[in-house]
Amino acid sequence: MAPSPTSDMSEAKFLTVAEVATVMRVSKMTVYRLVHNGELPAVRVGRSFRVLEEDVNEYLRKSFFDAG
């Protein structure tokens, strides 16, 4: 589970949109769509976004489904 905004964030690892796209093997546009739709939490830093690595992992865990 992602840390709450009030918890200690000094140990948190933030990823850029490009890094998230690489980890998920999708385009940057897909990551932006997930962020704008609220499916992937992100922090806006200036004109760019940063995503907690744990939030990416949690999104991927929740996205798995049994195809069999």
N, C-alpha and C. Protein backbone atom coordinates (compact mmCIF):
# COMPACT_ATOMS: atom_id res chain seq x y z
N MET A 1 0.86 -1.19 0.00
CA MET A 1 0.00 0.00 0.00
C MET A 1 0.89 1.24 0.00
N ALA A 2 0.52 2.23 -0.73
CA ALA A 2 1.29 3.47 -0.83
C ALA A 2 1.23 4.23 0.49
N PRO A 3 2.30 4.92 0.83
CA PRO A 3 2.29 5.71 2.06
C PRO A 3 1.30 6.87 1.96
N SER A 4 0.74 7.21 3.10
CA SER A 4 -0.18 8.34 3.10
C SER A 4 0.63 9.63 3.00
N PRO A 5 0.00 10.72 2.54
CA PRO A 5 0.74 11.97 2.38
C PRO A 5 1.38 12.47 3.66
N THR A 6 0.88 12.06 4.81
CA THR A 6 1.42 12.54 6.08
C THR A 6 2.56 11.68 6.59
N SER A 7 2.80 10.49 5.98
CA SER A 7 3.88 9.63 6.45
C SER A 7 5.23 10.14 5.93
N ASP A 8 6.30 9.55 6.44
CA ASP A 8 7.65 9.97 6.05
C ASP A 8 7.92 9.59 4.60
N MET A 9 8.17 10.59 3.75
CA MET A 9 8.38 10.34 2.32
C MET A 9 9.86 10.33 1.96
N SER A 10 10.75 10.41 2.95
CA SER A 10 12.18 10.48 2.64
C SER A 10 12.71 9.20 2.00
N GLU A 11 12.05 8.08 2.23
CA GLU A 11 12.48 6.80 1.66
C GLU A 11 11.75 6.48 0.35
N ALA A 12 10.79 7.30 -0.04
CA ALA A 12 9.98 7.03 -1.23
C ALA A 12 10.81 7.21 -2.49
N LYS A 13 10.60 6.32 -3.47
CA LYS A 13 11.29 6.43 -4.74
C LYS A 13 10.28 6.87 -5.80
N PHE A 14 10.53 8.03 -6.38
CA PHE A 14 9.65 8.57 -7.41
C PHE A 14 10.24 8.27 -8.79
N LEU A 15 9.36 7.92 -9.73
CA LEU A 15 9.75 7.63 -11.10
C LEU A 15 9.16 8.67 -12.04
N THR A 16 9.88 8.96 -13.11
CA THR A 16 9.35 9.85 -14.14
C THR A 16 8.35 9.07 -14.98
N VAL A 17 7.59 9.78 -15.80
CA VAL A 17 6.63 9.13 -16.70
C VAL A 17 7.38 8.19 -17.64
N ALA A 18 8.53 8.61 -18.14
CA ALA A 18 9.32 7.76 -19.04
C ALA A 18 9.78 6.47 -18.33
N GLU A 19 10.19 6.60 -17.07
CA GLU A 19 10.62 5.41 -16.31
C GLU A 19 9.45 4.47 -16.06
N VAL A 20 8.28 5.03 -15.74
CA VAL A 20 7.09 4.20 -15.54
C VAL A 20 6.74 3.48 -16.83
N ALA A 21 6.80 4.19 -17.95
CA ALA A 21 6.50 3.58 -19.25
C ALA A 21 7.45 2.42 -19.54
N THR A 22 8.72 2.58 -19.20
CA THR A 22 9.70 1.51 -19.42
C THR A 22 9.39 0.31 -18.54
N VAL A 23 9.10 0.55 -17.27
CA VAL A 23 8.78 -0.55 -16.34
C VAL A 23 7.54 -1.31 -16.81
N MET A 24 6.53 -0.57 -17.24
CA MET A 24 5.27 -1.20 -17.65
C MET A 24 5.27 -1.67 -19.10
N ARG A 25 6.31 -1.29 -19.85
CA ARG A 25 6.43 -1.61 -21.28
C ARG A 25 5.23 -1.10 -22.07
N VAL A 26 4.92 0.18 -21.82
CA VAL A 26 3.87 0.88 -22.55
C VAL A 26 4.43 2.24 -22.99
N SER A 27 3.64 2.98 -23.75
CA SER A 27 4.09 4.30 -24.19
C SER A 27 3.91 5.33 -23.06
N LYS A 28 4.61 6.45 -23.20
CA LYS A 28 4.43 7.53 -22.23
C LYS A 28 3.00 8.04 -22.26
N MET A 29 2.38 8.04 -23.45
CA MET A 29 0.99 8.50 -23.57
C MET A 29 0.06 7.64 -22.72
N THR A 30 0.31 6.35 -22.67
CA THR A 30 -0.51 5.45 -21.85
C THR A 30 -0.37 5.81 -20.38
N VAL A 31 0.84 6.12 -19.94
CA VAL A 31 1.07 6.50 -18.54
C VAL A 31 0.34 7.81 -18.24
N TYR A 32 0.44 8.80 -19.15
CA TYR A 32 -0.28 10.06 -18.95
C TYR A 32 -1.78 9.82 -18.85
N ARG A 33 -2.31 8.93 -19.68
CA ARG A 33 -3.75 8.62 -19.65
C ARG A 33 -4.13 8.01 -18.30
N LEU A 34 -3.32 7.08 -17.80
CA LEU A 34 -3.59 6.46 -16.50
C LEU A 34 -3.58 7.50 -15.38
N VAL A 35 -2.63 8.43 -15.46
CA VAL A 35 -2.53 9.49 -14.44
C VAL A 35 -3.74 10.42 -14.52
N HIS A 36 -4.08 10.87 -15.72
CA HIS A 36 -5.19 11.82 -15.88
C HIS A 36 -6.53 11.18 -15.55
N ASN A 37 -6.68 9.87 -15.77
CA ASN A 37 -7.92 9.18 -15.44
C ASN A 37 -8.01 8.81 -13.96
N GLY A 38 -6.95 9.06 -13.21
CA GLY A 38 -6.95 8.76 -11.78
C GLY A 38 -6.66 7.30 -11.47
N GLU A 39 -6.27 6.52 -12.46
CA GLU A 39 -5.98 5.10 -12.24
C GLU A 39 -4.60 4.89 -11.62
N LEU A 40 -3.70 5.86 -11.84
CA LEU A 40 -2.35 5.79 -11.30
C LEU A 40 -2.05 7.12 -10.60
N PRO A 41 -1.91 7.09 -9.27
CA PRO A 41 -1.64 8.33 -8.53
C PRO A 41 -0.30 8.93 -8.92
N ALA A 42 -0.26 10.25 -8.99
CA ALA A 42 0.98 10.95 -9.35
C ALA A 42 1.05 12.29 -8.66
N VAL A 43 2.26 12.80 -8.56
CA VAL A 43 2.51 14.12 -7.99
C VAL A 43 2.98 15.01 -9.12
N ARG A 44 2.42 16.20 -9.20
CA ARG A 44 2.85 17.13 -10.24
C ARG A 44 4.01 17.96 -9.69
N VAL A 45 5.11 17.97 -10.45
CA VAL A 45 6.29 18.74 -10.09
C VAL A 45 6.56 19.68 -11.26
N GLY A 46 6.20 20.94 -11.08
CA GLY A 46 6.30 21.87 -12.20
C GLY A 46 5.34 21.46 -13.30
N ARG A 47 5.88 21.20 -14.49
CA ARG A 47 5.04 20.78 -15.61
C ARG A 47 5.08 19.27 -15.85
N SER A 48 5.80 18.54 -14.98
CA SER A 48 5.91 17.10 -15.16
C SER A 48 5.28 16.35 -13.99
N PHE A 49 5.18 15.04 -14.13
CA PHE A 49 4.61 14.19 -13.10
C PHE A 49 5.66 13.24 -12.56
N ARG A 50 5.49 12.87 -11.31
CA ARG A 50 6.30 11.82 -10.69
C ARG A 50 5.34 10.83 -10.06
N VAL A 51 5.70 9.55 -10.18
CA VAL A 51 4.85 8.48 -9.68
C VAL A 51 5.66 7.65 -8.68
N LEU A 52 5.05 7.35 -7.55
CA LEU A 52 5.73 6.50 -6.57
C LEU A 52 5.92 5.11 -7.15
N GLU A 53 7.13 4.57 -6.99
CA GLU A 53 7.41 3.22 -7.49
C GLU A 53 6.42 2.21 -6.91
N GLU A 54 6.08 2.35 -5.63
CA GLU A 54 5.14 1.44 -4.99
C GLU A 54 3.75 1.52 -5.63
N ASP A 55 3.35 2.71 -6.07
CA ASP A 55 2.05 2.85 -6.74
C ASP A 55 2.05 2.13 -8.09
N VAL A 56 3.18 2.15 -8.78
CA VAL A 56 3.30 1.41 -10.05
C VAL A 56 3.17 -0.08 -9.77
N ASN A 57 3.91 -0.56 -8.76
CA ASN A 57 3.85 -1.98 -8.41
C ASN A 57 2.44 -2.40 -8.00
N GLU A 58 1.77 -1.56 -7.23
CA GLU A 58 0.40 -1.85 -6.79
C GLU A 58 -0.56 -1.89 -7.98
N TYR A 59 -0.41 -0.96 -8.90
CA TYR A 59 -1.25 -0.94 -10.11
C TYR A 59 -1.07 -2.24 -10.90
N LEU A 60 0.17 -2.65 -11.06
CA LEU A 60 0.44 -3.88 -11.81
C LEU A 60 -0.11 -5.10 -11.09
N ARG A 61 0.01 -5.15 -9.76
CA ARG A 61 -0.55 -6.27 -8.99
C ARG A 61 -2.05 -6.37 -9.18
N LYS A 62 -2.73 -5.23 -9.12
CA LYS A 62 -4.19 -5.21 -9.26
C LYS A 62 -4.64 -5.51 -10.69
N SER A 63 -3.75 -5.32 -11.67
CA SER A 63 -4.10 -5.49 -13.06
C SER A 63 -4.03 -6.94 -13.54
N PHE A 64 -3.38 -7.81 -12.78
CA PHE A 64 -3.29 -9.21 -13.18
C PHE A 64 -4.66 -9.86 -13.13
N PHE A 65 -4.93 -10.72 -14.10
CA PHE A 65 -6.17 -11.48 -14.09
C PHE A 65 -5.89 -12.88 -14.59
N ASP A 66 -6.76 -13.81 -14.22
CA ASP A 66 -6.60 -15.19 -14.61
C ASP A 66 -7.25 -15.41 -15.97
N ALA A 67 -6.43 -15.65 -16.99
CA ALA A 67 -6.96 -15.81 -18.36
C ALA A 67 -7.41 -17.24 -18.62
N GLY A 68 -7.14 -18.14 -17.69
CA GLY A 68 -7.49 -19.55 -17.92
C GLY A 68 -8.76 -19.85 -17.31
